[in-house]
PDB file of N, CA and C in Angstrom:
ATOM      1  N   MET A   1     -10.458 -20.750 -11.880  1.00  0.00           N
ATOM      2  CA  MET A   1      -9.631 -19.571 -12.134  1.00  0.00           C
ATOM      3  C   MET A   1      -9.399 -19.436 -13.617  1.00  0.00           C
ATOM      4  N   GLN A   2      -9.457 -18.240 -14.122  1.00  0.00           N
ATOM      5  CA  GLN A   2      -9.162 -17.994 -15.517  1.00  0.00           C
ATOM      6  C   GLN A   2      -7.688 -17.651 -15.633  1.00  0.00           C
ATOM      7  N   SER A   3      -6.919 -18.631 -16.015  1.00  0.00           N
ATOM      8  CA  SER A   3      -5.480 -18.423 -16.115  1.00  0.00           C
ATOM      9  C   SER A   3      -5.172 -17.439 -17.232  1.00  0.00           C
ATOM     10  N   GLY A   4      -4.251 -16.536 -16.948  1.00  0.00           N
ATOM     11  CA  GLY A   4      -3.836 -15.577 -17.946  1.00  0.00           C
ATOM     12  C   GLY A   4      -4.699 -14.329 -18.020  1.00  0.00           C
ATOM     13  N   LYS A   5      -5.845 -14.307 -17.372  1.00  0.00           N
ATOM     14  CA  LYS A   5      -6.691 -13.112 -17.431  1.00  0.00           C
ATOM     15  C   LYS A   5      -6.250 -12.152 -16.346  1.00  0.00           C
ATOM     16  N   LEU A   6      -5.386 -11.258 -16.725  1.00  0.00           N
ATOM     17  CA  LEU A   6      -4.895 -10.268 -15.784  1.00  0.00           C
ATOM     18  C   LEU A   6      -5.186  -8.855 -16.282  1.00  0.00           C
ATOM     19  N   ALA A   7      -6.073  -8.761 -17.259  1.00  0.00           N
ATOM     20  CA  ALA A   7      -6.408  -7.431 -17.782  1.00  0.00           C
ATOM     21  C   ALA A   7      -6.983  -6.562 -16.675  1.00  0.00           C
ATOM     22  N   ASN A   8      -7.851  -7.120 -15.868  1.00  0.00           N
ATOM     23  CA  ASN A   8      -8.393  -6.417 -14.719  1.00  0.00           C
ATOM     24  C   ASN A   8      -7.843  -7.079 -13.459  1.00  0.00           C
ATOM     25  N   ASN A   9      -7.251  -6.297 -12.626  1.00  0.00           N
ATOM     26  CA  ASN A   9      -6.712  -6.803 -11.377  1.00  0.00           C
ATOM     27  C   ASN A   9      -7.877  -7.231 -10.482  1.00  0.00           C
ATOM     28  N   PHE A  10      -7.889  -8.487 -10.066  1.00  0.00           N
ATOM     29  CA  PHE A  10      -8.998  -9.017  -9.272  1.00  0.00           C
ATOM     30  C   PHE A  10      -9.155  -8.292  -7.943  1.00  0.00           C
ATOM     31  N   TYR A  11      -8.066  -7.803  -7.381  1.00  0.00           N
ATOM     32  CA  TYR A  11      -8.159  -7.043  -6.137  1.00  0.00           C
ATOM     33  C   TYR A  11      -8.911  -5.737  -6.380  1.00  0.00           C
ATOM     34  N   GLU A  12      -8.631  -5.117  -7.531  1.00  0.00           N
ATOM     35  CA  GLU A  12      -9.325  -3.880  -7.878  1.00  0.00           C
ATOM     36  C   GLU A  12     -10.793  -4.133  -8.201  1.00  0.00           C
ATOM     37  N   VAL A  13     -11.078  -5.271  -8.849  1.00  0.00           N
ATOM     38  CA  VAL A  13     -12.462  -5.628  -9.175  1.00  0.00           C
ATOM     39  C   VAL A  13     -13.300  -5.685  -7.897  1.00  0.00           C
ATOM     40  N   LEU A  14     -12.702  -6.211  -6.834  1.00  0.00           N
ATOM     41  CA  LEU A  14     -13.406  -6.320  -5.553  1.00  0.00           C
ATOM     42  C   LEU A  14     -13.218  -5.085  -4.679  1.00  0.00           C
ATOM     43  N   SER A  15     -12.572  -4.066  -5.208  1.00  0.00           N
ATOM     44  CA  SER A  15     -12.292  -2.813  -4.476  1.00  0.00           C
ATOM     45  C   SER A  15     -11.472  -3.051  -3.214  1.00  0.00           C
ATOM     46  N   LEU A  16     -10.530  -3.971  -3.309  1.00  0.00           N
ATOM     47  CA  LEU A  16      -9.594  -4.218  -2.211  1.00  0.00           C
ATOM     48  C   LEU A  16      -8.338  -3.413  -2.511  1.00  0.00           C
ATOM     49  N   HIS A  17      -7.875  -2.660  -1.549  1.00  0.00           N
ATOM     50  CA  HIS A  17      -6.769  -1.727  -1.788  1.00  0.00           C
ATOM     51  C   HIS A  17      -5.399  -2.334  -1.529  1.00  0.00           C
ATOM     52  N   SER A  18      -5.382  -3.616  -1.190  1.00  0.00           N
ATOM     53  CA  SER A  18      -4.121  -4.278  -0.904  1.00  0.00           C
ATOM     54  C   SER A  18      -4.231  -5.744  -1.290  1.00  0.00           C
ATOM     55  N   THR A  19      -3.095  -6.348  -1.586  1.00  0.00           N
ATOM     56  CA  THR A  19      -3.088  -7.792  -1.841  1.00  0.00           C
ATOM     57  C   THR A  19      -2.937  -8.557  -0.535  1.00  0.00           C
ATOM     58  N   ASN A  20      -2.690  -7.839   0.530  1.00  0.00           N
ATOM     59  CA  ASN A  20      -2.489  -8.459   1.840  1.00  0.00           C
ATOM     60  C   ASN A  20      -3.802  -8.405   2.643  1.00  0.00           C
ATOM     61  N   VAL A  21      -4.810  -9.138   2.160  1.00  0.00           N
ATOM     62  CA  VAL A  21      -6.108  -9.167   2.821  1.00  0.00           C
ATOM     63  C   VAL A  21      -6.476 -10.603   3.148  1.00  0.00           C
ATOM     64  N   GLY A  22      -7.292 -10.754   4.186  1.00  0.00           N
ATOM     65  CA  GLY A  22      -7.727 -12.074   4.600  1.00  0.00           C
ATOM     66  C   GLY A  22      -8.960 -12.537   3.844  1.00  0.00           C
ATOM     67  N   PHE A  23      -9.311 -13.806   4.069  1.00  0.00           N
ATOM     68  CA  PHE A  23     -10.437 -14.399   3.370  1.00  0.00           C
ATOM     69  C   PHE A  23     -11.769 -13.747   3.759  1.00  0.00           C
ATOM     70  N   GLU A  24     -11.888 -13.327   4.993  1.00  0.00           N
ATOM     71  CA  GLU A  24     -13.130 -12.673   5.415  1.00  0.00           C
ATOM     72  C   GLU A  24     -13.313 -11.324   4.717  1.00  0.00           C
ATOM     73  N   GLU A  25     -12.215 -10.603   4.544  1.00  0.00           N
ATOM     74  CA  GLU A  25     -12.292  -9.326   3.823  1.00  0.00           C
ATOM     75  C   GLU A  25     -12.676  -9.540   2.362  1.00  0.00           C
ATOM     76  N   ILE A  26     -12.156 -10.598   1.768  1.00  0.00           N
ATOM     77  CA  ILE A  26     -12.487 -10.930   0.385  1.00  0.00           C
ATOM     78  C   ILE A  26     -13.971 -11.275   0.280  1.00  0.00           C
ATOM     79  N   LYS A  27     -14.445 -12.092   1.208  1.00  0.00           N
ATOM     80  CA  LYS A  27     -15.850 -12.497   1.196  1.00  0.00           C
ATOM     81  C   LYS A  27     -16.766 -11.285   1.383  1.00  0.00           C
ATOM     82  N   LYS A  28     -16.412 -10.421   2.310  1.00  0.00           N
ATOM     83  CA  LYS A  28     -17.222  -9.229   2.582  1.00  0.00           C
ATOM     84  C   LYS A  28     -17.260  -8.307   1.357  1.00  0.00           C
ATOM     85  N   ALA A  29     -16.102  -8.094   0.736  1.00  0.00           N
ATOM     86  CA  ALA A  29     -16.029  -7.240  -0.451  1.00  0.00           C
ATOM     87  C   ALA A  29     -16.853  -7.839  -1.584  1.00  0.00           C
ATOM     88  N   TYR A  30     -16.766  -9.160  -1.752  1.00  0.00           N
ATOM     89  CA  TYR A  30     -17.533  -9.816  -2.807  1.00  0.00           C
ATOM     90  C   TYR A  30     -19.029  -9.664  -2.575  1.00  0.00           C
ATOM     91  N   ARG A  31     -19.476  -9.906  -1.370  1.00  0.00           N
ATOM     92  CA  ARG A  31     -20.912  -9.805  -1.077  1.00  0.00           C
ATOM     93  C   ARG A  31     -21.429  -8.392  -1.319  1.00  0.00           C
ATOM     94  N   CYS A  32     -20.662  -7.419  -0.923  1.00  0.00           N
ATOM     95  CA  CYS A  32     -21.060  -6.021  -1.124  1.00  0.00           C
ATOM     96  C   CYS A  32     -21.179  -5.701  -2.617  1.00  0.00           C
ATOM     97  N   LYS A  33     -20.161  -6.077  -3.376  1.00  0.00           N
ATOM     98  CA  LYS A  33     -20.160  -5.817  -4.814  1.00  0.00           C
ATOM     99  C   LYS A  33     -21.209  -6.658  -5.543  1.00  0.00           C
ATOM    100  N   ALA A  34     -21.418  -7.885  -5.098  1.00  0.00           N
ATOM    101  CA  ALA A  34     -22.401  -8.765  -5.740  1.00  0.00           C
ATOM    102  C   ALA A  34     -23.803  -8.169  -5.615  1.00  0.00           C
ATOM    103  N   LEU A  35     -24.101  -7.608  -4.474  1.00  0.00           N
ATOM    104  CA  LEU A  35     -25.399  -6.953  -4.307  1.00  0.00           C
ATOM    105  C   LEU A  35     -25.520  -5.727  -5.203  1.00  0.00           C
ATOM    106  N   GLN A  36     -24.412  -5.084  -5.435  1.00  0.00           N
ATOM    107  CA  GLN A  36     -24.406  -3.882  -6.265  1.00  0.00           C
ATOM    108  C   GLN A  36     -24.593  -4.215  -7.748  1.00  0.00           C
ATOM    109  N   TYR A  37     -24.004  -5.335  -8.210  1.00  0.00           N
ATOM    110  CA  TYR A  37     -24.004  -5.637  -9.639  1.00  0.00           C
ATOM    111  C   TYR A  37     -24.814  -6.862 -10.048  1.00  0.00           C
ATOM    112  N   HIS A  38     -25.496  -7.518  -9.121  1.00  0.00           N
ATOM    113  CA  HIS A  38     -26.285  -8.694  -9.494  1.00  0.00           C
ATOM    114  C   HIS A  38     -27.323  -8.284 -10.538  1.00  0.00           C
ATOM    115  N   PRO A  39     -27.398  -9.035 -11.640  1.00  0.00           N
ATOM    116  CA  PRO A  39     -28.303  -8.651 -12.737  1.00  0.00           C
ATOM    117  C   PRO A  39     -29.780  -8.517 -12.328  1.00  0.00           C
ATOM    118  N   ASP A  40     -30.212  -9.254 -11.329  1.00  0.00           N
ATOM    119  CA  ASP A  40     -31.605  -9.176 -10.893  1.00  0.00           C
ATOM    120  C   ASP A  40     -31.867  -7.983  -9.982  1.00  0.00           C
ATOM    121  N   ILE A  41     -30.806  -7.406  -9.431  1.00  0.00           N
ATOM    122  CA  ILE A  41     -30.952  -6.320  -8.469  1.00  0.00           C
ATOM    123  C   ILE A  41     -30.521  -4.977  -9.052  1.00  0.00           C
ATOM    124  N   CYS A  42     -29.485  -4.989  -9.864  1.00  0.00           N
ATOM    125  CA  CYS A  42     -28.903  -3.750 -10.396  1.00  0.00           C
ATOM    126  C   CYS A  42     -29.842  -3.079 -11.394  1.00  0.00           C
ATOM    127  N   HIS A  43     -30.175  -1.833 -11.116  1.00  0.00           N
ATOM    128  CA  HIS A  43     -31.022  -1.063 -12.022  1.00  0.00           C
ATOM    129  C   HIS A  43     -30.265   0.114 -12.633  1.00  0.00           C
ATOM    130  N   ASP A  44     -29.009   0.317 -12.180  1.00  0.00           N
ATOM    131  CA  ASP A  44     -28.205   1.428 -12.694  1.00  0.00           C
ATOM    132  C   ASP A  44     -27.625   1.123 -14.077  1.00  0.00           C
ATOM    133  N   LEU A  45     -27.382  -0.173 -14.350  1.00  0.00           N
ATOM    134  CA  LEU A  45     -26.786  -0.590 -15.619  1.00  0.00           C
ATOM    135  C   LEU A  45     -27.772  -1.471 -16.377  1.00  0.00           C
ATOM    136  N   ASN A  46     -27.529  -1.621 -17.673  1.00  0.00           N
ATOM    137  CA  ASN A  46     -28.380  -2.547 -18.409  1.00  0.00           C
ATOM    138  C   ASN A  46     -28.039  -3.976 -18.000  1.00  0.00           C
ATOM    139  N   LYS A  47     -28.919  -4.889 -18.299  1.00  0.00           N
ATOM    140  CA  LYS A  47     -28.781  -6.284 -17.858  1.00  0.00           C
ATOM    141  C   LYS A  47     -27.474  -6.910 -18.357  1.00  0.00           C
ATOM    142  N   GLU A  48     -27.109  -6.620 -19.585  1.00  0.00           N
ATOM    143  CA  GLU A  48     -25.894  -7.190 -20.168  1.00  0.00           C
ATOM    144  C   GLU A  48     -24.643  -6.720 -19.423  1.00  0.00           C
ATOM    145  N   GLU A  49     -24.561  -5.422 -19.150  1.00  0.00           N
ATOM    146  CA  GLU A  49     -23.403  -4.853 -18.449  1.00  0.00           C
ATOM    147  C   GLU A  49     -23.339  -5.360 -17.006  1.00  0.00           C
ATOM    148  N   SER A  50     -24.455  -5.406 -16.323  1.00  0.00           N
ATOM    149  CA  SER A  50     -24.441  -5.882 -14.936  1.00  0.00           C
ATOM    150  C   SER A  50     -24.086  -7.369 -14.887  1.00  0.00           C
ATOM    151  N   THR A  51     -24.529  -8.141 -15.884  1.00  0.00           N
ATOM    152  CA  THR A  51     -24.164  -9.565 -15.942  1.00  0.00           C
ATOM    153  C   THR A  51     -22.669  -9.719 -16.152  1.00  0.00           C
ATOM    154  N   ARG A  52     -22.106  -8.920 -17.076  1.00  0.00           N
ATOM    155  CA  ARG A  52     -20.659  -8.980 -17.332  1.00  0.00           C
ATOM    156  C   ARG A  52     -19.871  -8.649 -16.067  1.00  0.00           C
ATOM    157  N   ARG A  53     -20.268  -7.597 -15.371  1.00  0.00           N
ATOM    158  CA  ARG A  53     -19.568  -7.205 -14.141  1.00  0.00           C
ATOM    159  C   ARG A  53     -19.743  -8.248 -13.046  1.00  0.00           C
ATOM    160  N   PHE A  54     -20.932  -8.834 -12.951  1.00  0.00           N
ATOM    161  CA  PHE A  54     -21.171  -9.848 -11.936  1.00  0.00           C
ATOM    162  C   PHE A  54     -20.302 -11.084 -12.186  1.00  0.00           C
ATOM    163  N   ILE A  55     -20.163 -11.482 -13.441  1.00  0.00           N
ATOM    164  CA  ILE A  55     -19.308 -12.628 -13.782  1.00  0.00           C
ATOM    165  C   ILE A  55     -17.855 -12.320 -13.446  1.00  0.00           C
ATOM    166  N   GLU A  56     -17.433 -11.096 -13.743  1.00  0.00           N
ATOM    167  CA  GLU A  56     -16.070 -10.676 -13.408  1.00  0.00           C
ATOM    168  C   GLU A  56     -15.848 -10.714 -11.888  1.00  0.00           C
ATOM    169  N   LEU A  57     -16.835 -10.253 -11.137  1.00  0.00           N
ATOM    170  CA  LEU A  57     -16.759 -10.318  -9.668  1.00  0.00           C
ATOM    171  C   LEU A  57     -16.647 -11.762  -9.194  1.00  0.00           C
ATOM    172  N   ARG A  58     -17.467 -12.614  -9.782  1.00  0.00           N
ATOM    173  CA  ARG A  58     -17.474 -14.026  -9.390  1.00  0.00           C
ATOM    174  C   ARG A  58     -16.108 -14.666  -9.666  1.00  0.00           C
ATOM    175  N   ASN A  59     -15.538 -14.377 -10.829  1.00  0.00           N
ATOM    176  CA  ASN A  59     -14.209 -14.905 -11.167  1.00  0.00           C
ATOM    177  C   ASN A  59     -13.157 -14.410 -10.179  1.00  0.00           C
ATOM    178  N   ALA A  60     -13.224 -13.126  -9.845  1.00  0.00           N
ATOM    179  CA  ALA A  60     -12.276 -12.557  -8.882  1.00  0.00           C
ATOM    180  C   ALA A  60     -12.423 -13.234  -7.526  1.00  0.00           C
ATOM    181  N   TYR A  61     -13.646 -13.378  -7.078  1.00  0.00           N
ATOM    182  CA  TYR A  61     -13.893 -14.001  -5.775  1.00  0.00           C
ATOM    183  C   TYR A  61     -13.411 -15.442  -5.750  1.00  0.00           C
ATOM    184  N   GLU A  62     -13.782 -16.214  -6.765  1.00  0.00           N
ATOM    185  CA  GLU A  62     -13.388 -17.636  -6.796  1.00  0.00           C
ATOM    186  C   GLU A  62     -11.877 -17.796  -6.822  1.00  0.00           C
ATOM    187  N   THR A  63     -11.205 -16.902  -7.524  1.00  0.00           N
ATOM    188  CA  THR A  63      -9.743 -16.974  -7.617  1.00  0.00           C
ATOM    189  C   THR A  63      -9.090 -16.580  -6.296  1.00  0.00           C
ATOM    190  N   LEU A  64      -9.519 -15.482  -5.707  1.00  0.00           N
ATOM    191  CA  LEU A  64      -8.854 -14.974  -4.503  1.00  0.00           C
ATOM    192  C   LEU A  64      -9.268 -15.719  -3.233  1.00  0.00           C
ATOM    193  N   TYR A  65     -10.434 -16.335  -3.229  1.00  0.00           N
ATOM    194  CA  TYR A  65     -10.876 -17.027  -2.017  1.00  0.00           C
ATOM    195  C   TYR A  65     -10.247 -18.405  -1.895  1.00  0.00           C
ATOM    196  N   ASP A  66      -9.878 -19.012  -3.013  1.00  0.00           N
ATOM    197  CA  ASP A  66      -9.207 -20.316  -2.990  1.00  0.00           C
ATOM    198  C   ASP A  66      -7.712 -20.085  -2.788  1.00  0.00           C
ATOM    199  N   PRO A  67      -7.131 -20.637  -1.712  1.00  0.00           N
ATOM    200  CA  PRO A  67      -5.723 -20.338  -1.401  1.00  0.00           C
ATOM    201  C   PRO A  67      -4.732 -20.687  -2.521  1.00  0.00           C
ATOM    202  N   ILE A  68      -4.933 -21.806  -3.181  1.00  0.00           N
ATOM    203  CA  ILE A  68      -3.997 -22.214  -4.232  1.00  0.00           C
ATOM    204  C   ILE A  68      -4.159 -21.324  -5.458  1.00  0.00           C
ATOM    205  N   SER A  69      -5.407 -21.078  -5.874  1.00  0.00           N
ATOM    206  CA  SER A  69      -5.653 -20.204  -7.018  1.00  0.00           C
ATOM    207  C   SER A  69      -5.123 -18.798  -6.747  1.00  0.00           C
ATOM    208  N   ARG A  70      -5.306 -18.350  -5.517  1.00  0.00           N
ATOM    209  CA  ARG A  70      -4.829 -17.014  -5.161  1.00  0.00           C
ATOM    210  C   ARG A  70      -3.313 -16.937  -5.221  1.00  0.00           C
ATOM    211  N   GLN A  71      -2.644 -17.978  -4.757  1.00  0.00           N
ATOM    212  CA  GLN A  71      -1.182 -17.987  -4.789  1.00  0.00           C
ATOM    213  C   GLN A  71      -0.688 -17.934  -6.234  1.00  0.00           C
ATOM    214  N   ILE A  72      -1.315 -18.706  -7.110  1.00  0.00           N
ATOM    215  CA  ILE A  72      -0.936 -18.704  -8.527  1.00  0.00           C
ATOM    216  C   ILE A  72      -1.216 -17.330  -9.142  1.00  0.00           C
ATOM    217  N   TYR A  73      -2.386 -16.776  -8.839  1.00  0.00           N
ATOM    218  CA  TYR A  73      -2.763 -15.469  -9.378  1.00  0.00           C
ATOM    219  C   TYR A  73      -1.789 -14.380  -8.898  1.00  0.00           C
ATOM    220  N   ASP A  74      -1.474 -14.387  -7.618  1.00  0.00           N
ATOM    221  CA  ASP A  74      -0.539 -13.394  -7.080  1.00  0.00           C
ATOM    222  C   ASP A  74       0.832 -13.495  -7.747  1.00  0.00           C
ATOM    223  N   TYR A  75       1.260 -14.730  -8.011  1.00  0.00           N
ATOM    224  CA  TYR A  75       2.537 -14.946  -8.682  1.00  0.00           C
ATOM    225  C   TYR A  75       2.494 -14.375 -10.093  1.00  0.00           C
ATOM    226  N   GLU A  76       1.417 -14.677 -10.838  1.00  0.00           N
ATOM    227  CA  GLU A  76       1.268 -14.154 -12.194  1.00  0.00           C
ATOM    228  C   GLU A  76       1.193 -12.624 -12.192  1.00  0.00           C
ATOM    229  N   LEU A  77       0.492 -12.072 -11.203  1.00  0.00           N
ATOM    230  CA  LEU A  77       0.370 -10.624 -11.087  1.00  0.00           C
ATOM    231  C   LEU A  77       1.733  -9.980 -10.823  1.00  0.00           C
ATOM    232  N   SER A  78       2.542 -10.613  -9.967  1.00  0.00           N
ATOM    233  CA  SER A  78       3.872 -10.068  -9.672  1.00  0.00           C
ATOM    234  C   SER A  78       4.769 -10.152 -10.906  1.00  0.00           C
ATOM    235  N   LEU A  79       4.626 -11.219 -11.699  1.00  0.00           N
ATOM    236  CA  LEU A  79       5.411 -11.324 -12.930  1.00  0.00           C
ATOM    237  C   LEU A  79       5.023 -10.227 -13.913  1.00  0.00           C
ATOM    238  N   LYS A  80       3.724  -9.954 -14.019  1.00  0.00           N
ATOM    239  CA  LYS A  80       3.248  -8.912 -14.924  1.00  0.00           C
ATOM    240  C   LYS A  80       3.792  -7.550 -14.496  1.00  0.00           C
ATOM    241  N   LYS A  81       3.732  -7.253 -13.195  1.00  0.00           N
ATOM    242  CA  LYS A  81       4.233  -5.973 -12.694  1.00  0.00           C
ATOM    243  C   LYS A  81       5.736  -5.862 -12.908  1.00  0.00           C
ATOM    244  N   SER A  82       6.452  -6.960 -12.662  1.00  0.00           N
ATOM    245  CA  SER A  82       7.898  -6.973 -12.845  1.00  0.00           C
ATOM    246  C   SER A  82       8.255  -6.722 -14.307  1.00  0.00           C
ATOM    247  N   LYS A  83       7.509  -7.343 -15.214  1.00  0.00           N
ATOM    248  CA  LYS A  83       7.753  -7.166 -16.643  1.00  0.00           C
ATOM    249  C   LYS A  83       7.510  -5.713 -17.051  1.00  0.00           C
ATOM    250  N   GLU A  84       6.443  -5.098 -16.539  1.00  0.00           N
ATOM    251  CA  GLU A  84       6.151  -3.705 -16.851  1.00  0.00           C
ATOM    252  C   GLU A  84       7.254  -2.784 -16.337  1.00  0.00           C
ATOM    253  N   ASN A  85       7.746  -3.050 -15.126  1.00  0.00           N
ATOM    254  CA  ASN A  85       8.818  -2.227 -14.559  1.00  0.00           C
ATOM    255  C   ASN A  85      10.102  -2.363 -15.363  1.00  0.00           C
ATOM    256  N   ARG A  86      10.405  -3.593 -15.805  1.00  0.00           N
ATOM    257  CA  ARG A  86      11.608  -3.817 -16.607  1.00  0.00           C
ATOM    258  C   ARG A  86      11.525  -3.069 -17.925  1.00  0.00           C
ATOM    259  N   LYS A  87      10.351  -3.052 -18.544  1.00  0.00           N
ATOM    260  CA  LYS A  87      10.191  -2.343 -19.813  1.00  0.00           C
ATOM    261  C   LYS A  87      10.467  -0.863 -19.630  1.00  0.00           C
ATOM    262  N   MET A  88       9.948  -0.280 -18.566  1.00  0.00           N
ATOM    263  CA  MET A  88      10.141   1.149 -18.336  1.00  0.00           C
ATOM    264  C   MET A  88      11.610   1.460 -18.107  1.00  0.00           C
ATOM    265  N   VAL A  89      12.303   0.647 -17.321  1.00  0.00           N
ATOM    266  CA  VAL A  89      13.721   0.875 -17.053  1.00  0.00           C
ATOM    267  C   VAL A  89      14.521   0.676 -18.325  1.00  0.00           C
ATOM    268  N   PHE A  90      14.222  -0.375 -19.070  1.00  0.00           N
ATOM    269  CA  PHE A  90      14.939  -0.660 -20.305  1.00  0.00           C
ATOM    270  C   PHE A  90      14.790   0.496 -21.284  1.00  0.00           C
ATOM    271  N   ASN A  91      13.575   0.962 -21.478  1.00  0.00           N
ATOM    272  CA  ASN A  91      13.343   2.050 -22.423  1.00  0.00           C
ATOM    273  C   ASN A  91      14.084   3.317 -22.011  1.00  0.00           C
ATOM    274  N   LYS A  92      14.109   3.608 -20.728  1.00  0.00           N
ATOM    275  CA  LYS A  92      14.804   4.794 -20.250  1.00  0.00           C
ATOM    276  C   LYS A  92      16.306   4.652 -20.479  1.00  0.00           C
ATOM    277  N   ASP A  93      16.864   3.478 -20.170  1.00  0.00           N
ATOM    278  CA  ASP A  93      18.291   3.243 -20.373  1.00  0.00           C
ATOM    279  C   ASP A  93      18.667   3.366 -21.848  1.00  0.00           C
ATOM    280  N   VAL A  94      17.863   2.778 -22.706  1.00  0.00           N
ATOM    281  CA  VAL A  94      18.141   2.839 -24.139  1.00  0.00           C
ATOM    282  C   VAL A  94      18.119   4.292 -24.611  1.00  0.00           C
ATOM    283  N   TRP A  95      17.110   5.025 -24.175  1.00  0.00           N
ATOM    284  CA  TRP A  95      16.991   6.434 -24.557  1.00  0.00           C
ATOM    285  C   TRP A  95      18.207   7.233 -24.104  1.00  0.00           C
ATOM    286  N   GLU A  96      18.650   7.021 -22.869  1.00  0.00           N
ATOM    287  CA  GLU A  96      19.798   7.766 -22.348  1.00  0.00           C
ATOM    288  C   GLU A  96      21.075   7.418 -23.111  1.00  0.00           C
ATOM    289  N   ARG A  97      21.269   6.139 -23.456  1.00  0.00           N
ATOM    290  CA  ARG A  97      22.456   5.743 -24.223  1.00  0.00           C
ATOM    291  C   ARG A  97      22.427   6.367 -25.613  1.00  0.00           C
ATOM    292  N   GLN A  98      21.260   6.381 -26.234  1.00  0.00           N
ATOM    293  CA  GLN A  98      21.159   6.989 -27.563  1.00  0.00           C
ATOM    294  C   GLN A  98      21.457   8.487 -27.507  1.00  0.00           C
ATOM    295  N   LEU A  99      20.946   9.138 -26.503  1.00  0.00           N
ATOM    296  CA  LEU A  99      21.171  10.568 -26.342  1.00  0.00           C
ATOM    297  C   LEU A  99      22.655  10.868 -26.134  1.00  0.00           C
ATOM    298  N   GLU A 100      23.313  10.083 -25.303  1.00  0.00           N
ATOM    299  CA  GLU A 100      24.758  10.266 -25.090  1.00  0.00           C
ATOM    300  C   GLU A 100      25.540  10.056 -26.384  1.00  0.00           C
ATOM    301  N   GLY A 101      25.155   9.041 -27.147  1.00  0.00           N
ATOM    302  CA  GLY A 101      25.811   8.777 -28.429  1.00  0.00           C
ATOM    303  C   GLY A 101      25.649   9.939 -29.392  1.00  0.00           C
ATOM    304  N   LEU A 102      24.451  10.498 -29.451  1.00  0.00           N
ATOM    305  CA  LEU A 102      24.207  11.659 -30.321  1.00  0.00           C
ATOM    306  C   LEU A 102      25.031  12.862 -29.882  1.00  0.00           C
ATOM    307  N   LYS A 103      25.123  13.085 -28.585  1.00  0.00           N
ATOM    308  CA  LYS A 103      25.931  14.204 -28.079  1.00  0.00           C
ATOM    309  C   LYS A 103      27.398  14.026 -28.461  1.00  0.00           C
ATOM    310  N   ARG A 104      27.919  12.804 -28.299  1.00  0.00           N
ATOM    311  CA  ARG A 104      29.307  12.511 -28.620  1.00  0.00           C
ATOM    312  C   ARG A 104      29.588  12.754 -30.106  1.00  0.00           C
ATOM    313  N   ARG A 105      28.711  12.246 -30.962  1.00  0.00           N
ATOM    314  CA  ARG A 105      28.913  12.429 -32.408  1.00  0.00           C
ATOM    315  C   ARG A 105      28.836  13.895 -32.797  1.00  0.00           C
ATOM    316  N   SER A 106      27.921  14.611 -32.160  1.00  0.00           N
ATOM    317  CA  SER A 106      27.791  16.042 -32.450  1.00  0.00           C
ATOM    318  C   SER A 106      29.061  16.792 -32.055  1.00  0.00           C
ATOM    319  N   CYS A 107      29.596  16.482 -30.890  1.00  0.00           N
ATOM    320  CA  CYS A 107      30.841  17.119 -30.432  1.00  0.00           C
ATOM    321  C   CYS A 107      31.992  16.787 -31.375  1.00  0.00           C
ATOM    322  N   ASN A 108      32.076  15.529 -31.807  1.00  0.00           N
ATOM    323  CA  ASN A 108      33.149  15.124 -32.731  1.00  0.00           C
ATOM    324  C   ASN A 108      33.033  15.871 -34.054  1.00  0.00           C
ATOM    325  N   ARG A 109      31.832  16.029 -34.579  1.00  0.00           N
ATOM    326  CA  ARG A 109      31.633  16.765 -35.828  1.00  0.00           C
ATOM    327  C   ARG A 109      32.036  18.228 -35.673  1.00  0.00           C
ATOM    328  N   MET A 110      31.651  18.818 -34.545  1.00  0.00           N
ATOM    329  CA  MET A 110      32.002  20.216 -34.304  1.00  0.00           C
ATOM    330  C   MET A 110      33.522  20.391 -34.231  1.00  0.00           C
ATOM    331  N   LYS A 111      34.213  19.459 -33.587  1.00  0.00           N
ATOM    332  CA  LYS A 111      35.678  19.530 -33.485  1.00  0.00           C
ATOM    333  C   LYS A 111      36.319  19.412 -34.878  1.00  0.00           C
ATOM    334  N   LYS A 112      35.772  18.501 -35.701  1.00  0.00           N
ATOM    335  CA  LYS A 112      36.308  18.319 -37.045  1.00  0.00           C
ATOM    336  C   LYS A 112      36.105  19.584 -37.880  1.00  0.00           C
ATOM    337  N   LYS A 113      34.928  20.196 -37.760  1.00  0.00           N
ATOM    338  CA  LYS A 113      34.649  21.416 -38.518  1.00  0.00           C
ATOM    339  C   LYS A 113      35.574  22.550 -38.090  1.00  0.00           C
ATOM    340  N   LYS A 114      35.831  22.666 -36.771  1.00  0.00           N
ATOM    341  CA  LYS A 114      36.713  23.711 -36.273  1.00  0.00           C
ATOM    342  C   LYS A 114      38.129  23.492 -36.779  1.00  0.00           C
ATOM    343  N   SER A 115      38.581  22.237 -36.801  1.00  0.00           N
ATOM    344  CA  SER A 115      39.953  21.959 -37.228  1.00  0.00           C
ATOM    345  C   SER A 115      40.124  22.203 -38.743  1.00  0.00           C
ATOM    346  N   VAL A 116      39.091  22.043 -39.528  1.00  0.00           N
ATOM    347  CA  VAL A 116      39.160  22.279 -40.963  1.00  0.00           C
ATOM    348  C   VAL A 116      39.283  23.778 -41.252  1.00  0.00           C
ATOM    349  N   PHE A 117      38.552  24.578 -40.496  1.00  0.00           N
ATOM    350  CA  PHE A 117      38.536  26.037 -40.738  1.00  0.00           C
ATOM    351  C   PHE A 117      39.669  26.775 -40.031  1.00  0.00           C
ATOM    352  N   THR A 118      40.443  26.120 -39.213  1.00  0.00           N
ATOM    353  CA  THR A 118      41.529  26.822 -38.541  1.00  0.00           C
ATOM    354  C   THR A 118      42.872  26.495 -39.092  1.00  0.00           C
TER     355      THR A 118
END
């Protein structure tokens, strides 16, 4: 397993639409994709690109087919998703607080200006 390599989701690499799949589904998806991208068989891509994709498929398969590696990978994937969700919520909260602060200061300035001219 390539620890830390989560740039490409291994489930997506194998065209699996869920993380809740069995080992037979993983094996079937791998075999289908391997035939599609094997460097000796693939004629749609150049040899270098098909080799890169085939290696990526192999890494995905080896990680997801081994129960322990898959458990570690799923945990890392959930941490990555959780971190992304936290960033989005944090940024939205910060933006809303800043906007409220600007509105408050603007209202205070307007009140001060009105009191000076009246």
